[in-house]
N, C-alpha and C. Protein backbone atom coordinates (compact mmCIF):
# COMPACT_ATOMS: atom_id res chain seq x y z
N MET A 1 0.84 -1.17 0.00
CA MET A 1 0.00 0.00 0.00
C MET A 1 0.89 1.24 0.00
N SER A 2 0.49 2.27 -0.74
CA SER A 2 1.26 3.51 -0.77
C SER A 2 1.01 4.32 0.50
N LEU A 3 1.86 5.28 0.73
CA LEU A 3 1.68 6.18 1.87
C LEU A 3 0.35 6.93 1.75
N GLU A 4 0.00 7.38 0.54
CA GLU A 4 -1.30 8.03 0.31
C GLU A 4 -2.43 7.14 0.79
N ASP A 5 -2.40 5.87 0.38
CA ASP A 5 -3.46 4.92 0.75
C ASP A 5 -3.49 4.69 2.26
N ASP A 6 -2.32 4.57 2.88
CA ASP A 6 -2.26 4.35 4.32
C ASP A 6 -2.87 5.52 5.09
N VAL A 7 -2.54 6.74 4.69
CA VAL A 7 -3.08 7.92 5.37
C VAL A 7 -4.59 8.01 5.14
N LYS A 8 -5.02 7.78 3.91
CA LYS A 8 -6.46 7.81 3.62
C LYS A 8 -7.20 6.77 4.45
N THR A 9 -6.68 5.57 4.54
CA THR A 9 -7.32 4.49 5.31
C THR A 9 -7.44 4.89 6.78
N LEU A 10 -6.39 5.47 7.33
CA LEU A 10 -6.41 5.90 8.72
C LEU A 10 -7.47 6.99 8.94
N LEU A 11 -7.52 7.99 8.06
CA LEU A 11 -8.49 9.07 8.19
C LEU A 11 -9.92 8.57 7.99
N ALA A 12 -10.12 7.67 7.04
CA ALA A 12 -11.46 7.14 6.75
C ALA A 12 -12.00 6.28 7.88
N ALA A 13 -11.12 5.71 8.69
CA ALA A 13 -11.56 4.87 9.82
C ALA A 13 -11.98 5.70 11.03
N ASP A 14 -11.74 7.00 11.00
CA ASP A 14 -12.08 7.87 12.13
C ASP A 14 -13.52 8.35 11.98
N VAL A 15 -14.46 7.55 12.51
CA VAL A 15 -15.88 7.84 12.37
C VAL A 15 -16.53 8.11 13.73
N GLY A 16 -17.63 8.82 13.70
CA GLY A 16 -18.35 9.20 14.92
C GLY A 16 -18.49 10.71 14.96
N THR A 17 -19.25 11.21 15.89
CA THR A 17 -19.48 12.63 16.01
C THR A 17 -18.17 13.40 16.14
N GLY A 18 -17.98 14.37 15.24
CA GLY A 18 -16.79 15.21 15.26
C GLY A 18 -15.52 14.55 14.76
N LYS A 19 -15.63 13.34 14.24
CA LYS A 19 -14.45 12.61 13.74
C LYS A 19 -14.18 12.98 12.29
N PHE A 20 -12.95 12.69 11.83
CA PHE A 20 -12.51 13.15 10.51
C PHE A 20 -13.43 12.67 9.38
N ALA A 21 -13.66 11.36 9.29
CA ALA A 21 -14.46 10.83 8.18
C ALA A 21 -15.90 11.33 8.24
N THR A 22 -16.42 11.54 9.43
CA THR A 22 -17.78 12.04 9.58
C THR A 22 -17.87 13.49 9.12
N LEU A 23 -16.84 14.28 9.39
CA LEU A 23 -16.82 15.67 8.94
C LEU A 23 -16.72 15.78 7.42
N MET A 24 -16.01 14.84 6.79
CA MET A 24 -15.79 14.88 5.34
C MET A 24 -16.94 14.19 4.61
N THR A 25 -18.09 14.83 4.59
CA THR A 25 -19.29 14.24 3.97
C THR A 25 -19.14 14.05 2.47
N GLY A 26 -18.21 14.77 1.87
CA GLY A 26 -17.95 14.61 0.43
C GLY A 26 -16.93 13.53 0.12
N GLY A 27 -16.31 12.97 1.17
CA GLY A 27 -15.39 11.86 0.98
C GLY A 27 -13.93 12.22 1.21
N ILE A 28 -13.12 11.17 1.25
CA ILE A 28 -11.67 11.28 1.39
C ILE A 28 -11.07 10.54 0.20
N TYR A 29 -10.20 11.21 -0.53
CA TYR A 29 -9.66 10.67 -1.77
C TYR A 29 -8.14 10.75 -1.76
N THR A 30 -7.51 9.84 -2.49
CA THR A 30 -6.09 10.01 -2.76
C THR A 30 -5.97 10.78 -4.07
N TYR A 31 -4.89 11.52 -4.19
CA TYR A 31 -4.66 12.26 -5.43
C TYR A 31 -4.63 11.32 -6.62
N GLU A 32 -4.02 10.16 -6.43
CA GLU A 32 -3.96 9.16 -7.50
C GLU A 32 -5.36 8.72 -7.94
N SER A 33 -6.27 8.57 -6.99
CA SER A 33 -7.62 8.10 -7.33
C SER A 33 -8.43 9.15 -8.08
N THR A 34 -7.98 10.41 -8.06
CA THR A 34 -8.69 11.46 -8.80
C THR A 34 -8.19 11.56 -10.24
N ASP A 35 -7.40 10.59 -10.66
CA ASP A 35 -6.75 10.62 -11.98
C ASP A 35 -5.83 11.83 -12.09
N GLN A 36 -5.32 12.27 -10.96
CA GLN A 36 -4.40 13.40 -10.85
C GLN A 36 -4.99 14.69 -11.42
N LEU A 37 -6.32 14.78 -11.35
CA LEU A 37 -7.01 15.99 -11.80
C LEU A 37 -7.64 16.73 -10.63
N GLY A 38 -7.53 16.17 -9.44
CA GLY A 38 -8.19 16.78 -8.29
C GLY A 38 -9.68 16.48 -8.29
N LEU A 39 -10.40 17.18 -7.45
CA LEU A 39 -11.85 16.96 -7.35
C LEU A 39 -12.55 17.59 -8.55
N SER A 40 -13.49 16.84 -9.13
CA SER A 40 -14.20 17.32 -10.31
C SER A 40 -15.59 16.71 -10.36
N ARG A 41 -16.56 17.52 -10.75
CA ARG A 41 -17.93 17.02 -10.93
C ARG A 41 -18.00 16.01 -12.08
N ASP A 42 -17.05 16.11 -13.02
CA ASP A 42 -17.06 15.26 -14.21
C ASP A 42 -16.31 13.95 -14.02
N ASN A 43 -15.65 13.78 -12.89
CA ASN A 43 -14.89 12.57 -12.61
C ASN A 43 -15.78 11.62 -11.82
N ASP A 44 -16.06 10.43 -12.36
CA ASP A 44 -16.92 9.47 -11.67
C ASP A 44 -16.41 9.14 -10.27
N THR A 45 -15.10 9.13 -10.10
CA THR A 45 -14.51 8.79 -8.81
C THR A 45 -14.79 9.84 -7.74
N THR A 46 -14.85 11.11 -8.13
CA THR A 46 -15.01 12.18 -7.14
C THR A 46 -16.36 12.90 -7.23
N ALA A 47 -17.27 12.43 -8.05
CA ALA A 47 -18.57 13.09 -8.20
C ALA A 47 -19.33 13.17 -6.87
N ALA A 48 -19.12 12.21 -5.98
CA ALA A 48 -19.82 12.20 -4.69
C ALA A 48 -19.39 13.36 -3.79
N ALA A 49 -18.31 14.03 -4.14
CA ALA A 49 -17.85 15.18 -3.35
C ALA A 49 -18.73 16.41 -3.57
N PHE A 50 -19.65 16.33 -4.50
CA PHE A 50 -20.48 17.49 -4.86
C PHE A 50 -21.95 17.24 -4.55
N ASP A 51 -22.62 18.26 -4.07
CA ASP A 51 -24.05 18.20 -3.79
C ASP A 51 -24.80 18.07 -5.12
N THR A 52 -25.67 17.07 -5.22
CA THR A 52 -26.37 16.83 -6.49
C THR A 52 -27.40 17.91 -6.81
N THR A 53 -27.87 18.63 -5.81
CA THR A 53 -28.86 19.69 -6.04
C THR A 53 -28.20 21.00 -6.40
N THR A 54 -27.22 21.42 -5.60
CA THR A 54 -26.61 22.74 -5.81
C THR A 54 -25.35 22.69 -6.67
N GLY A 55 -24.73 21.51 -6.76
CA GLY A 55 -23.49 21.38 -7.51
C GLY A 55 -22.27 21.87 -6.74
N ARG A 56 -22.48 22.36 -5.51
CA ARG A 56 -21.38 22.86 -4.68
C ARG A 56 -20.64 21.71 -4.03
N ILE A 57 -19.38 21.93 -3.72
CA ILE A 57 -18.58 20.89 -3.08
C ILE A 57 -18.98 20.73 -1.61
N LYS A 58 -19.02 19.50 -1.16
CA LYS A 58 -19.24 19.18 0.24
C LYS A 58 -17.86 19.09 0.91
N PRO A 59 -17.81 19.08 2.24
CA PRO A 59 -16.49 18.93 2.88
C PRO A 59 -15.81 17.66 2.38
N ALA A 60 -14.59 17.80 1.89
CA ALA A 60 -13.87 16.67 1.30
C ALA A 60 -12.37 16.87 1.50
N CYS A 61 -11.64 15.77 1.40
CA CYS A 61 -10.19 15.80 1.58
C CYS A 61 -9.51 15.01 0.47
N VAL A 62 -8.41 15.57 -0.03
CA VAL A 62 -7.56 14.86 -0.98
C VAL A 62 -6.18 14.70 -0.32
N VAL A 63 -5.70 13.46 -0.27
CA VAL A 63 -4.40 13.13 0.29
C VAL A 63 -3.42 13.01 -0.88
N LYS A 64 -2.36 13.80 -0.83
CA LYS A 64 -1.39 13.80 -1.93
C LYS A 64 0.02 13.67 -1.34
N MET A 65 0.81 12.80 -1.95
CA MET A 65 2.18 12.67 -1.47
C MET A 65 3.15 13.20 -2.51
N ARG A 66 4.23 13.76 -1.99
CA ARG A 66 5.32 14.20 -2.85
C ARG A 66 6.32 13.06 -2.96
N ILE A 67 7.30 13.24 -3.79
CA ILE A 67 8.30 12.19 -4.03
C ILE A 67 9.18 11.98 -2.79
N ARG A 68 9.60 10.73 -2.60
CA ARG A 68 10.51 10.40 -1.49
C ARG A 68 11.92 10.86 -1.83
N SER A 69 12.65 11.25 -0.79
CA SER A 69 14.06 11.58 -0.98
C SER A 69 14.87 11.03 0.20
N ARG A 70 16.06 10.57 -0.11
CA ARG A 70 16.94 10.04 0.93
C ARG A 70 17.31 11.18 1.88
N ASP A 71 17.29 10.89 3.19
CA ASP A 71 17.59 11.97 4.13
C ASP A 71 18.85 11.75 4.94
N GLY A 72 19.49 10.59 4.80
CA GLY A 72 20.75 10.35 5.50
C GLY A 72 20.62 10.16 6.99
N GLY A 73 19.40 9.95 7.45
CA GLY A 73 19.15 9.77 8.88
C GLY A 73 19.55 8.39 9.36
N PRO A 74 19.34 8.12 10.66
CA PRO A 74 19.68 6.80 11.20
C PRO A 74 18.90 5.71 10.49
N ARG A 75 19.53 4.59 10.32
CA ARG A 75 18.88 3.50 9.60
C ARG A 75 19.42 2.17 10.07
N GLU A 76 18.68 1.13 9.74
CA GLU A 76 19.14 -0.22 10.03
C GLU A 76 20.05 -0.68 8.89
N PRO A 77 20.98 -1.61 9.16
CA PRO A 77 21.84 -2.11 8.08
C PRO A 77 21.02 -2.66 6.92
N GLY A 78 21.43 -2.36 5.70
CA GLY A 78 20.73 -2.84 4.51
C GLY A 78 19.49 -2.05 4.16
N SER A 79 19.30 -0.89 4.78
CA SER A 79 18.13 -0.07 4.47
C SER A 79 18.57 1.37 4.23
N ALA A 80 17.67 2.18 3.78
CA ALA A 80 17.93 3.60 3.56
C ALA A 80 16.82 4.40 4.23
N SER A 81 17.17 5.46 4.93
CA SER A 81 16.16 6.32 5.53
C SER A 81 15.73 7.36 4.50
N TYR A 82 14.48 7.78 4.59
CA TYR A 82 13.96 8.76 3.64
C TYR A 82 12.99 9.69 4.34
N ARG A 83 12.69 10.77 3.64
CA ARG A 83 11.63 11.68 4.07
C ARG A 83 10.72 11.92 2.88
N GLN A 84 9.48 12.20 3.20
CA GLN A 84 8.46 12.43 2.18
C GLN A 84 7.41 13.35 2.78
N VAL A 85 6.88 14.24 2.00
CA VAL A 85 5.83 15.14 2.49
C VAL A 85 4.48 14.64 1.98
N VAL A 86 3.54 14.59 2.91
CA VAL A 86 2.15 14.26 2.57
C VAL A 86 1.33 15.52 2.77
N GLU A 87 0.53 15.85 1.77
CA GLU A 87 -0.33 17.03 1.83
C GLU A 87 -1.78 16.59 2.04
N LEU A 88 -2.48 17.27 2.93
CA LEU A 88 -3.93 17.09 3.08
C LEU A 88 -4.58 18.35 2.55
N TRP A 89 -5.33 18.22 1.46
CA TRP A 89 -6.09 19.33 0.89
C TRP A 89 -7.52 19.17 1.38
N ILE A 90 -7.99 20.10 2.20
CA ILE A 90 -9.33 20.00 2.80
C ILE A 90 -10.20 21.11 2.24
N TYR A 91 -11.35 20.72 1.69
CA TYR A 91 -12.27 21.64 1.02
C TYR A 91 -13.60 21.71 1.75
N ASP A 92 -14.27 22.87 1.63
CA ASP A 92 -15.63 23.01 2.14
C ASP A 92 -16.27 24.22 1.48
N ASP A 93 -17.54 24.10 1.14
CA ASP A 93 -18.25 25.25 0.61
C ASP A 93 -19.63 25.41 1.23
N ARG A 94 -19.83 24.86 2.41
CA ARG A 94 -21.14 24.98 3.05
C ARG A 94 -21.31 26.32 3.73
N ALA A 95 -20.21 26.99 4.02
CA ALA A 95 -20.27 28.27 4.73
C ALA A 95 -19.09 29.13 4.30
N GLN A 96 -19.09 30.34 4.76
CA GLN A 96 -17.99 31.25 4.43
C GLN A 96 -16.94 31.28 5.53
N ASP A 97 -16.93 30.27 6.40
CA ASP A 97 -15.91 30.22 7.44
C ASP A 97 -15.23 28.85 7.40
N TYR A 98 -14.22 28.70 8.22
CA TYR A 98 -13.39 27.50 8.20
C TYR A 98 -13.70 26.53 9.33
N ASP A 99 -14.91 26.58 9.90
CA ASP A 99 -15.23 25.75 11.06
C ASP A 99 -15.03 24.25 10.80
N VAL A 100 -15.58 23.74 9.72
CA VAL A 100 -15.45 22.30 9.42
C VAL A 100 -14.00 21.97 9.07
N ILE A 101 -13.38 22.82 8.29
CA ILE A 101 -11.98 22.60 7.91
C ILE A 101 -11.09 22.59 9.16
N ASP A 102 -11.31 23.53 10.07
CA ASP A 102 -10.51 23.58 11.30
C ASP A 102 -10.74 22.35 12.17
N ALA A 103 -11.99 21.90 12.27
CA ALA A 103 -12.28 20.70 13.05
C ALA A 103 -11.62 19.47 12.42
N ALA A 104 -11.64 19.39 11.10
CA ALA A 104 -10.99 18.27 10.40
C ALA A 104 -9.48 18.31 10.62
N GLN A 105 -8.89 19.49 10.56
CA GLN A 105 -7.45 19.61 10.79
C GLN A 105 -7.09 19.17 12.21
N ALA A 106 -7.91 19.54 13.18
CA ALA A 106 -7.63 19.14 14.57
C ALA A 106 -7.68 17.62 14.71
N ARG A 107 -8.63 16.99 14.04
CA ARG A 107 -8.72 15.52 14.08
C ARG A 107 -7.53 14.90 13.37
N ALA A 108 -7.15 15.45 12.21
CA ALA A 108 -5.98 14.92 11.48
C ALA A 108 -4.74 15.01 12.35
N PHE A 109 -4.59 16.12 13.06
CA PHE A 109 -3.43 16.28 13.94
C PHE A 109 -3.43 15.20 15.02
N ALA A 110 -4.58 14.97 15.64
CA ALA A 110 -4.68 13.95 16.69
C ALA A 110 -4.37 12.55 16.15
N LEU A 111 -4.74 12.29 14.91
CA LEU A 111 -4.55 10.97 14.31
C LEU A 111 -3.14 10.75 13.77
N LEU A 112 -2.52 11.81 13.28
CA LEU A 112 -1.28 11.65 12.52
C LEU A 112 -0.01 12.11 13.21
N ASP A 113 -0.06 13.16 14.01
CA ASP A 113 1.17 13.75 14.51
C ASP A 113 1.93 12.80 15.43
N GLU A 114 3.20 12.56 15.05
CA GLU A 114 4.11 11.69 15.82
C GLU A 114 3.61 10.25 15.91
N LYS A 115 2.77 9.83 14.96
CA LYS A 115 2.22 8.48 14.96
C LYS A 115 2.78 7.70 13.77
N ALA A 116 2.84 6.38 13.93
CA ALA A 116 3.23 5.50 12.82
C ALA A 116 2.00 5.26 11.95
N VAL A 117 2.23 5.17 10.66
CA VAL A 117 1.14 4.93 9.71
C VAL A 117 1.48 3.73 8.86
N GLY A 118 0.51 2.84 8.68
CA GLY A 118 0.71 1.67 7.84
C GLY A 118 1.55 0.62 8.54
N THR A 119 1.96 -0.36 7.76
CA THR A 119 2.72 -1.48 8.32
C THR A 119 4.22 -1.30 8.19
N THR A 120 4.66 -0.26 7.49
CA THR A 120 6.09 -0.01 7.36
C THR A 120 6.54 0.98 8.42
N LYS A 121 7.84 1.16 8.54
CA LYS A 121 8.38 2.05 9.58
C LYS A 121 8.32 3.50 9.09
N ARG A 122 7.20 4.17 9.40
CA ARG A 122 7.02 5.56 9.00
C ARG A 122 6.38 6.34 10.15
N THR A 123 6.90 7.51 10.42
CA THR A 123 6.34 8.41 11.43
C THR A 123 6.22 9.79 10.81
N GLN A 124 5.13 10.48 11.10
CA GLN A 124 4.97 11.82 10.52
C GLN A 124 4.83 12.88 11.58
N ARG A 125 5.24 14.09 11.19
CA ARG A 125 5.11 15.27 12.02
C ARG A 125 4.44 16.36 11.20
N TRP A 126 3.56 17.10 11.85
CA TRP A 126 2.90 18.21 11.19
C TRP A 126 3.92 19.31 10.92
N ILE A 127 4.00 19.77 9.68
CA ILE A 127 4.89 20.87 9.32
C ILE A 127 4.14 22.19 9.48
N GLY A 128 2.91 22.24 8.94
CA GLY A 128 2.13 23.46 9.07
C GLY A 128 1.05 23.57 8.03
N GLU A 129 0.30 24.66 8.14
CA GLU A 129 -0.76 24.98 7.19
C GLU A 129 -0.17 25.97 6.18
N PHE A 130 -0.25 25.63 4.90
CA PHE A 130 0.43 26.44 3.91
C PHE A 130 -0.50 27.15 2.93
N LEU A 131 -1.76 26.93 3.09
CA LEU A 131 -2.70 27.56 2.17
C LEU A 131 -4.01 27.71 2.91
N ARG A 132 -4.62 28.84 2.81
CA ARG A 132 -5.93 29.08 3.42
C ARG A 132 -6.59 30.12 2.54
N THR A 133 -7.35 29.64 1.57
CA THR A 133 -7.86 30.54 0.55
C THR A 133 -9.16 29.98 -0.04
N ARG A 134 -9.56 30.57 -1.12
CA ARG A 134 -10.72 30.09 -1.87
C ARG A 134 -10.21 29.55 -3.20
N ASP A 135 -10.58 28.30 -3.53
CA ASP A 135 -10.19 27.69 -4.80
C ASP A 135 -11.09 28.28 -5.89
N PRO A 136 -10.52 29.01 -6.85
CA PRO A 136 -11.36 29.66 -7.87
C PRO A 136 -12.05 28.67 -8.80
N ASP A 137 -11.43 27.52 -9.06
CA ASP A 137 -12.03 26.53 -9.95
C ASP A 137 -13.25 25.87 -9.33
N LEU A 138 -13.17 25.58 -8.03
CA LEU A 138 -14.29 24.93 -7.33
C LEU A 138 -15.16 25.93 -6.59
N ASP A 139 -14.71 27.19 -6.53
CA ASP A 139 -15.40 28.23 -5.75
C ASP A 139 -15.69 27.72 -4.34
N ALA A 140 -14.62 27.23 -3.69
CA ALA A 140 -14.75 26.65 -2.36
C ALA A 140 -13.57 27.05 -1.48
N LEU A 141 -13.80 27.03 -0.17
CA LEU A 141 -12.70 27.23 0.77
C LEU A 141 -11.78 26.02 0.72
N VAL A 142 -10.48 26.26 0.86
CA VAL A 142 -9.52 25.15 0.84
C VAL A 142 -8.33 25.50 1.73
N THR A 143 -7.81 24.48 2.39
CA THR A 143 -6.54 24.62 3.10
C THR A 143 -5.65 23.45 2.70
N ARG A 144 -4.35 23.65 2.83
CA ARG A 144 -3.39 22.57 2.60
C ARG A 144 -2.54 22.45 3.85
N HIS A 145 -2.49 21.26 4.41
CA HIS A 145 -1.69 20.96 5.58
C HIS A 145 -0.63 19.95 5.18
N ASP A 146 0.62 20.21 5.54
CA ASP A 146 1.74 19.34 5.15
C ASP A 146 2.24 18.55 6.36
N TRP A 147 2.62 17.30 6.08
CA TRP A 147 3.14 16.39 7.09
C TRP A 147 4.47 15.84 6.60
N ASP A 148 5.49 15.95 7.43
CA ASP A 148 6.83 15.43 7.12
C ASP A 148 6.87 13.98 7.60
N VAL A 149 7.06 13.06 6.67
CA VAL A 149 7.07 11.64 6.99
C VAL A 149 8.50 11.13 6.89
N ARG A 150 8.94 10.42 7.93
CA ARG A 150 10.26 9.80 7.94
C ARG A 150 10.08 8.29 7.95
N GLY A 151 10.85 7.59 7.14
CA GLY A 151 10.72 6.14 7.08
C GLY A 151 12.00 5.49 6.64
N GLN A 152 11.91 4.16 6.48
CA GLN A 152 13.04 3.37 6.02
C GLN A 152 12.59 2.44 4.91
N LEU A 153 13.45 2.31 3.91
CA LEU A 153 13.25 1.35 2.83
C LEU A 153 14.19 0.19 3.06
N GLY A 154 13.70 -1.01 2.80
CA GLY A 154 14.58 -2.17 2.93
C GLY A 154 14.41 -2.91 4.21
């Protein structure tokens, strides 16, 4: 399983009042599953992210990973340590404020920060929020939160 899939699986399993998956009524997607086009009303995979009556986006998250790079950190013999950044793109258009997005970010932090993800040796740390704006293509609020992931190959 890829790191994108592992993070998505972890977030999707967080259900119940105020939990990440419950807040994301439009779904949680990997960037790869969107055919690398992002959320779109015309994409069968992501059509559920949009309200069928208004056409507006519902609260949704896209998990995107950047390329891995060797970091020269501590490692076990016969392996290589690496770092990789995972981005969480969180969207909402139900209101003109960031209440749902902020609640989702708080849940993501509780689930991900300093925690191991998946079955491989990977731990992530929150780097920060790098975008807080309105997406002109979707006409929706969006934030991007980055996570620094450290792991070992081999």
